[in-house]
Amino acid sequence: MSEKNEKRLKAIKTIYGEEAYHKGEKVTYGTTVYVAWWILGYNTIEELEAKYTDEQILEMHDERLKSQGIKIS
């Protein structure tokens, strides 16, 4: 994984989970503001990491953004 993606992954992991989602937490990475996200059945980042690799987590987040019409660069 590239250094850029590693840093982006770290940022999106900080705002993952049911609690962060309900609080509306946000994190800024470069010029992008990411909002909290959460997948039903995986309430914490630890639960998500137990099932998926970092690459898969990043891909899931990217797919979520693409489904909302947000371009990933």
PDB file of N, CA and C in Angstrom:
ATOM      1  N   MET A   1       0.857  -1.173   0.000  1.00  0.00           N
ATOM      2  CA  MET A   1       0.000   0.000   0.000  1.00  0.00           C
ATOM      3  C   MET A   1       0.899   1.231   0.000  1.00  0.00           C
ATOM      4  N   SER A   2       0.532   2.211  -0.786  1.00  0.00           N
ATOM      5  CA  SER A   2       1.334   3.433  -0.869  1.00  0.00           C
ATOM      6  C   SER A   2       1.267   4.216   0.443  1.00  0.00           C
ATOM      7  N   GLU A   3       2.255   5.062   0.644  1.00  0.00           N
ATOM      8  CA  GLU A   3       2.287   5.884   1.858  1.00  0.00           C
ATOM      9  C   GLU A   3       1.061   6.797   1.918  1.00  0.00           C
ATOM     10  N   LYS A   4       0.663   7.321   0.759  1.00  0.00           N
ATOM     11  CA  LYS A   4      -0.517   8.192   0.696  1.00  0.00           C
ATOM     12  C   LYS A   4      -1.761   7.436   1.166  1.00  0.00           C
ATOM     13  N   ASN A   5      -1.935   6.207   0.678  1.00  0.00           N
ATOM     14  CA  ASN A   5      -3.097   5.418   1.077  1.00  0.00           C
ATOM     15  C   ASN A   5      -3.032   5.006   2.540  1.00  0.00           C
ATOM     16  N   GLU A   6      -1.829   4.735   3.050  1.00  0.00           N
ATOM     17  CA  GLU A   6      -1.678   4.398   4.465  1.00  0.00           C
ATOM     18  C   GLU A   6      -2.128   5.558   5.345  1.00  0.00           C
ATOM     19  N   LYS A   7      -1.742   6.771   4.974  1.00  0.00           N
ATOM     20  CA  LYS A   7      -2.138   7.950   5.751  1.00  0.00           C
ATOM     21  C   LYS A   7      -3.641   8.192   5.651  1.00  0.00           C
ATOM     22  N   ARG A   8      -4.195   8.005   4.451  1.00  0.00           N
ATOM     23  CA  ARG A   8      -5.636   8.181   4.264  1.00  0.00           C
ATOM     24  C   ARG A   8      -6.402   7.124   5.056  1.00  0.00           C
ATOM     25  N   LEU A   9      -5.909   5.891   5.049  1.00  0.00           N
ATOM     26  CA  LEU A   9      -6.536   4.811   5.807  1.00  0.00           C
ATOM     27  C   LEU A   9      -6.548   5.140   7.296  1.00  0.00           C
ATOM     28  N   LYS A  10      -5.434   5.635   7.799  1.00  0.00           N
ATOM     29  CA  LYS A  10      -5.351   6.008   9.215  1.00  0.00           C
ATOM     30  C   LYS A  10      -6.405   7.069   9.548  1.00  0.00           C
ATOM     31  N   ALA A  11      -6.573   8.035   8.659  1.00  0.00           N
ATOM     32  CA  ALA A  11      -7.565   9.091   8.887  1.00  0.00           C
ATOM     33  C   ALA A  11      -8.979   8.532   8.904  1.00  0.00           C
ATOM     34  N   ILE A  12      -9.316   7.683   7.935  1.00  0.00           N
ATOM     35  CA  ILE A  12     -10.695   7.188   7.884  1.00  0.00           C
ATOM     36  C   ILE A  12     -10.991   6.194   8.998  1.00  0.00           C
ATOM     37  N   LYS A  13      -9.962   5.532   9.511  1.00  0.00           N
ATOM     38  CA  LYS A  13     -10.180   4.621  10.639  1.00  0.00           C
ATOM     39  C   LYS A  13     -10.543   5.396  11.907  1.00  0.00           C
ATOM     40  N   THR A  14     -10.055   6.633  12.035  1.00  0.00           N
ATOM     41  CA  THR A  14     -10.329   7.406  13.252  1.00  0.00           C
ATOM     42  C   THR A  14     -11.785   7.826  13.358  1.00  0.00           C
ATOM     43  N   ILE A  15     -12.515   7.790  12.245  1.00  0.00           N
ATOM     44  CA  ILE A  15     -13.912   8.224  12.266  1.00  0.00           C
ATOM     45  C   ILE A  15     -14.864   7.084  11.928  1.00  0.00           C
ATOM     46  N   TYR A  16     -14.416   5.843  12.156  1.00  0.00           N
ATOM     47  CA  TYR A  16     -15.270   4.700  11.874  1.00  0.00           C
ATOM     48  C   TYR A  16     -16.013   4.271  13.134  1.00  0.00           C
ATOM     49  N   GLY A  17     -17.239   3.833  12.971  1.00  0.00           N
ATOM     50  CA  GLY A  17     -17.980   3.185  14.044  1.00  0.00           C
ATOM     51  C   GLY A  17     -19.320   3.824  14.313  1.00  0.00           C
ATOM     52  N   GLU A  18     -20.153   3.048  14.991  1.00  0.00           N
ATOM     53  CA  GLU A  18     -21.512   3.490  15.292  1.00  0.00           C
ATOM     54  C   GLU A  18     -21.516   4.780  16.107  1.00  0.00           C
ATOM     55  N   GLU A  19     -20.683   4.836  17.132  1.00  0.00           N
ATOM     56  CA  GLU A  19     -20.648   6.023  17.992  1.00  0.00           C
ATOM     57  C   GLU A  19     -20.204   7.257  17.211  1.00  0.00           C
ATOM     58  N   ALA A  20     -19.131   7.136  16.445  1.00  0.00           N
ATOM     59  CA  ALA A  20     -18.637   8.263  15.642  1.00  0.00           C
ATOM     60  C   ALA A  20     -19.683   8.700  14.629  1.00  0.00           C
ATOM     61  N   TYR A  21     -20.372   7.729  14.041  1.00  0.00           N
ATOM     62  CA  TYR A  21     -21.404   8.013  13.041  1.00  0.00           C
ATOM     63  C   TYR A  21     -22.544   8.828  13.656  1.00  0.00           C
ATOM     64  N   HIS A  22     -23.014   8.400  14.814  1.00  0.00           N
ATOM     65  CA  HIS A  22     -24.125   9.108  15.453  1.00  0.00           C
ATOM     66  C   HIS A  22     -23.718  10.483  15.984  1.00  0.00           C
ATOM     67  N   LYS A  23     -22.449  10.653  16.309  1.00  0.00           N
ATOM     68  CA  LYS A  23     -21.953  11.958  16.763  1.00  0.00           C
ATOM     69  C   LYS A  23     -21.660  12.892  15.594  1.00  0.00           C
ATOM     70  N   GLY A  24     -21.602  12.345  14.374  1.00  0.00           N
ATOM     71  CA  GLY A  24     -21.297  13.161  13.197  1.00  0.00           C
ATOM     72  C   GLY A  24     -19.855  13.628  13.155  1.00  0.00           C
ATOM     73  N   GLU A  25     -18.953  12.795  13.646  1.00  0.00           N
ATOM     74  CA  GLU A  25     -17.544  13.177  13.687  1.00  0.00           C
ATOM     75  C   GLU A  25     -16.970  13.348  12.283  1.00  0.00           C
ATOM     76  N   LYS A  26     -15.933  14.186  12.189  1.00  0.00           N
ATOM     77  CA  LYS A  26     -15.271  14.484  10.919  1.00  0.00           C
ATOM     78  C   LYS A  26     -13.770  14.521  11.141  1.00  0.00           C
ATOM     79  N   VAL A  27     -13.023  14.270  10.058  1.00  0.00           N
ATOM     80  CA  VAL A  27     -11.572  14.393  10.092  1.00  0.00           C
ATOM     81  C   VAL A  27     -11.141  15.002   8.764  1.00  0.00           C
ATOM     82  N   THR A  28     -10.134  15.872   8.822  1.00  0.00           N
ATOM     83  CA  THR A  28      -9.601  16.485   7.611  1.00  0.00           C
ATOM     84  C   THR A  28      -8.305  15.784   7.240  1.00  0.00           C
ATOM     85  N   TYR A  29      -8.232  15.378   5.978  1.00  0.00           N
ATOM     86  CA  TYR A  29      -7.015  14.779   5.438  1.00  0.00           C
ATOM     87  C   TYR A  29      -6.668  15.578   4.195  1.00  0.00           C
ATOM     88  N   GLY A  30      -5.595  16.344   4.262  1.00  0.00           N
ATOM     89  CA  GLY A  30      -5.259  17.246   3.158  1.00  0.00           C
ATOM     90  C   GLY A  30      -6.349  18.290   3.026  1.00  0.00           C
ATOM     91  N   THR A  31      -6.958  18.348   1.852  1.00  0.00           N
ATOM     92  CA  THR A  31      -8.048  19.301   1.627  1.00  0.00           C
ATOM     93  C   THR A  31      -9.410  18.618   1.662  1.00  0.00           C
ATOM     94  N   THR A  32      -9.426  17.346   2.046  1.00  0.00           N
ATOM     95  CA  THR A  32     -10.666  16.575   2.072  1.00  0.00           C
ATOM     96  C   THR A  32     -11.156  16.407   3.500  1.00  0.00           C
ATOM     97  N   VAL A  33     -12.440  16.599   3.701  1.00  0.00           N
ATOM     98  CA  VAL A  33     -13.056  16.354   5.002  1.00  0.00           C
ATOM     99  C   VAL A  33     -13.859  15.064   4.888  1.00  0.00           C
ATOM    100  N   TYR A  34     -13.485  14.074   5.683  1.00  0.00           N
ATOM    101  CA  TYR A  34     -14.215  12.810   5.714  1.00  0.00           C
ATOM    102  C   TYR A  34     -15.171  12.831   6.896  1.00  0.00           C
ATOM    103  N   VAL A  35     -16.372  12.327   6.680  1.00  0.00           N
ATOM    104  CA  VAL A  35     -17.352  12.226   7.760  1.00  0.00           C
ATOM    105  C   VAL A  35     -17.385  10.785   8.251  1.00  0.00           C
ATOM    106  N   ALA A  36     -17.857  10.619   9.475  1.00  0.00           N
ATOM    107  CA  ALA A  36     -17.904   9.298  10.092  1.00  0.00           C
ATOM    108  C   ALA A  36     -18.693   8.322   9.233  1.00  0.00           C
ATOM    109  N   TRP A  37     -18.254   7.078   9.266  1.00  0.00           N
ATOM    110  CA  TRP A  37     -18.925   6.027   8.509  1.00  0.00           C
ATOM    111  C   TRP A  37     -19.001   4.773   9.357  1.00  0.00           C
ATOM    112  N   TRP A  38     -19.939   3.888   8.989  1.00  0.00           N
ATOM    113  CA  TRP A  38     -20.193   2.714   9.806  1.00  0.00           C
ATOM    114  C   TRP A  38     -20.928   1.680   8.979  1.00  0.00           C
ATOM    115  N   ILE A  39     -20.552   0.428   9.119  1.00  0.00           N
ATOM    116  CA  ILE A  39     -21.202  -0.682   8.428  1.00  0.00           C
ATOM    117  C   ILE A  39     -21.942  -1.500   9.472  1.00  0.00           C
ATOM    118  N   LEU A  40     -23.228  -1.706   9.261  1.00  0.00           N
ATOM    119  CA  LEU A  40     -24.023  -2.486  10.212  1.00  0.00           C
ATOM    120  C   LEU A  40     -23.364  -3.839  10.471  1.00  0.00           C
ATOM    121  N   GLY A  41     -23.332  -4.224  11.729  1.00  0.00           N
ATOM    122  CA  GLY A  41     -22.722  -5.491  12.106  1.00  0.00           C
ATOM    123  C   GLY A  41     -21.286  -5.353  12.570  1.00  0.00           C
ATOM    124  N   TYR A  42     -20.688  -4.218  12.290  1.00  0.00           N
ATOM    125  CA  TYR A  42     -19.309  -3.938  12.700  1.00  0.00           C
ATOM    126  C   TYR A  42     -19.312  -2.567  13.379  1.00  0.00           C
ATOM    127  N   ASN A  43     -19.584  -2.558  14.675  1.00  0.00           N
ATOM    128  CA  ASN A  43     -19.795  -1.296  15.375  1.00  0.00           C
ATOM    129  C   ASN A  43     -18.517  -0.552  15.731  1.00  0.00           C
ATOM    130  N   THR A  44     -17.387  -1.244  15.744  1.00  0.00           N
ATOM    131  CA  THR A  44     -16.115  -0.588  16.061  1.00  0.00           C
ATOM    132  C   THR A  44     -15.087  -0.923  14.983  1.00  0.00           C
ATOM    133  N   ILE A  45     -14.037  -0.143  14.917  1.00  0.00           N
ATOM    134  CA  ILE A  45     -12.983  -0.400  13.932  1.00  0.00           C
ATOM    135  C   ILE A  45     -12.301  -1.730  14.232  1.00  0.00           C
ATOM    136  N   GLU A  46     -12.224  -2.107  15.493  1.00  0.00           N
ATOM    137  CA  GLU A  46     -11.607  -3.385  15.853  1.00  0.00           C
ATOM    138  C   GLU A  46     -12.397  -4.559  15.271  1.00  0.00           C
ATOM    139  N   GLU A  47     -13.722  -4.466  15.314  1.00  0.00           N
ATOM    140  CA  GLU A  47     -14.567  -5.516  14.736  1.00  0.00           C
ATOM    141  C   GLU A  47     -14.373  -5.587  13.223  1.00  0.00           C
ATOM    142  N   LEU A  48     -14.262  -4.445  12.580  1.00  0.00           N
ATOM    143  CA  LEU A  48     -14.064  -4.405  11.132  1.00  0.00           C
ATOM    144  C   LEU A  48     -12.684  -4.957  10.764  1.00  0.00           C
ATOM    145  N   GLU A  49     -11.662  -4.575  11.531  1.00  0.00           N
ATOM    146  CA  GLU A  49     -10.296  -5.038  11.266  1.00  0.00           C
ATOM    147  C   GLU A  49     -10.143  -6.544  11.487  1.00  0.00           C
ATOM    148  N   ALA A  50     -10.964  -7.116  12.365  1.00  0.00           N
ATOM    149  CA  ALA A  50     -10.898  -8.557  12.622  1.00  0.00           C
ATOM    150  C   ALA A  50     -11.360  -9.362  11.409  1.00  0.00           C
ATOM    151  N   LYS A  51     -12.196  -8.784  10.585  1.00  0.00           N
ATOM    152  CA  LYS A  51     -12.772  -9.494   9.433  1.00  0.00           C
ATOM    153  C   LYS A  51     -12.110  -9.106   8.108  1.00  0.00           C
ATOM    154  N   TYR A  52     -11.645  -7.853   7.984  1.00  0.00           N
ATOM    155  CA  TYR A  52     -11.156  -7.344   6.706  1.00  0.00           C
ATOM    156  C   TYR A  52      -9.729  -6.819   6.813  1.00  0.00           C
ATOM    157  N   THR A  53      -9.009  -6.878   5.686  1.00  0.00           N
ATOM    158  CA  THR A  53      -7.653  -6.322   5.624  1.00  0.00           C
ATOM    159  C   THR A  53      -7.740  -4.804   5.469  1.00  0.00           C
ATOM    160  N   ASP A  54      -6.614  -4.134   5.677  1.00  0.00           N
ATOM    161  CA  ASP A  54      -6.574  -2.681   5.494  1.00  0.00           C
ATOM    162  C   ASP A  54      -6.961  -2.300   4.069  1.00  0.00           C
ATOM    163  N   GLU A  55      -6.492  -3.073   3.102  1.00  0.00           N
ATOM    164  CA  GLU A  55      -6.820  -2.787   1.704  1.00  0.00           C
ATOM    165  C   GLU A  55      -8.324  -2.892   1.459  1.00  0.00           C
ATOM    166  N   GLN A  56      -8.951  -3.907   2.047  1.00  0.00           N
ATOM    167  CA  GLN A  56     -10.394  -4.079   1.889  1.00  0.00           C
ATOM    168  C   GLN A  56     -11.164  -2.945   2.557  1.00  0.00           C
ATOM    169  N   ILE A  57     -10.702  -2.512   3.716  1.00  0.00           N
ATOM    170  CA  ILE A  57     -11.358  -1.411   4.429  1.00  0.00           C
ATOM    171  C   ILE A  57     -11.277  -0.137   3.596  1.00  0.00           C
ATOM    172  N   LEU A  58     -10.110   0.135   3.047  1.00  0.00           N
ATOM    173  CA  LEU A  58      -9.939   1.318   2.207  1.00  0.00           C
ATOM    174  C   LEU A  58     -10.832   1.223   0.971  1.00  0.00           C
ATOM    175  N   GLU A  59     -10.908   0.054   0.374  1.00  0.00           N
ATOM    176  CA  GLU A  59     -11.753  -0.148  -0.803  1.00  0.00           C
ATOM    177  C   GLU A  59     -13.234   0.046  -0.456  1.00  0.00           C
ATOM    178  N   MET A  60     -13.664  -0.467   0.696  1.00  0.00           N
ATOM    179  CA  MET A  60     -15.063  -0.285   1.113  1.00  0.00           C
ATOM    180  C   MET A  60     -15.390   1.192   1.295  1.00  0.00           C
ATOM    181  N   HIS A  61     -14.467   1.927   1.907  1.00  0.00           N
ATOM    182  CA  HIS A  61     -14.689   3.349   2.115  1.00  0.00           C
ATOM    183  C   HIS A  61     -14.751   4.076   0.773  1.00  0.00           C
ATOM    184  N   ASP A  62     -13.841   3.729  -0.129  1.00  0.00           N
ATOM    185  CA  ASP A  62     -13.836   4.348  -1.456  1.00  0.00           C
ATOM    186  C   ASP A  62     -15.128   4.046  -2.213  1.00  0.00           C
ATOM    187  N   GLU A  63     -15.607   2.813  -2.131  1.00  0.00           N
ATOM    188  CA  GLU A  63     -16.858   2.438  -2.805  1.00  0.00           C
ATOM    189  C   GLU A  63     -18.033   3.220  -2.230  1.00  0.00           C
ATOM    190  N   ARG A  64     -18.007   3.446  -0.936  1.00  0.00           N
ATOM    191  CA  ARG A  64     -19.062   4.235  -0.286  1.00  0.00           C
ATOM    192  C   ARG A  64     -19.083   5.652  -0.857  1.00  0.00           C
ATOM    193  N   LEU A  65     -17.907   6.241  -1.009  1.00  0.00           N
ATOM    194  CA  LEU A  65     -17.821   7.591  -1.560  1.00  0.00           C
ATOM    195  C   LEU A  65     -18.258   7.619  -3.020  1.00  0.00           C
ATOM    196  N   LYS A  66     -17.793   6.641  -3.810  1.00  0.00           N
ATOM    197  CA  LYS A  66     -18.160   6.579  -5.224  1.00  0.00           C
ATOM    198  C   LYS A  66     -19.668   6.435  -5.399  1.00  0.00           C
ATOM    199  N   SER A  67     -20.312   5.667  -4.516  1.00  0.00           N
ATOM    200  CA  SER A  67     -21.761   5.480  -4.619  1.00  0.00           C
ATOM    201  C   SER A  67     -22.515   6.781  -4.364  1.00  0.00           C
ATOM    202  N   GLN A  68     -21.845   7.726  -3.707  1.00  0.00           N
ATOM    203  CA  GLN A  68     -22.441   9.037  -3.447  1.00  0.00           C
ATOM    204  C   GLN A  68     -22.020  10.060  -4.497  1.00  0.00           C
ATOM    205  N   GLY A  69     -21.301   9.586  -5.529  1.00  0.00           N
ATOM    206  CA  GLY A  69     -20.883  10.474  -6.610  1.00  0.00           C
ATOM    207  C   GLY A  69     -19.649  11.295  -6.306  1.00  0.00           C
ATOM    208  N   ILE A  70     -18.877  10.878  -5.304  1.00  0.00           N
ATOM    209  CA  ILE A  70     -17.667  11.602  -4.921  1.00  0.00           C
ATOM    210  C   ILE A  70     -16.474  10.955  -5.603  1.00  0.00           C
ATOM    211  N   LYS A  71     -15.684  11.754  -6.324  1.00  0.00           N
ATOM    212  CA  LYS A  71     -14.522  11.248  -7.054  1.00  0.00           C
ATOM    213  C   LYS A  71     -13.360  11.008  -6.099  1.00  0.00           C
ATOM    214  N   ILE A  72     -12.718   9.861  -6.248  1.00  0.00           N
ATOM    215  CA  ILE A  72     -11.547   9.515  -5.448  1.00  0.00           C
ATOM    216  C   ILE A  72     -10.316   9.801  -6.295  1.00  0.00           C
ATOM    217  N   SER A  73      -9.400  10.613  -5.756  1.00  0.00           N
ATOM    218  CA  SER A  73      -8.181  10.906  -6.528  1.00  0.00           C
ATOM    219  C   SER A  73      -6.970  10.315  -5.860  1.00  0.00           C
TER     220      SER A  73
END
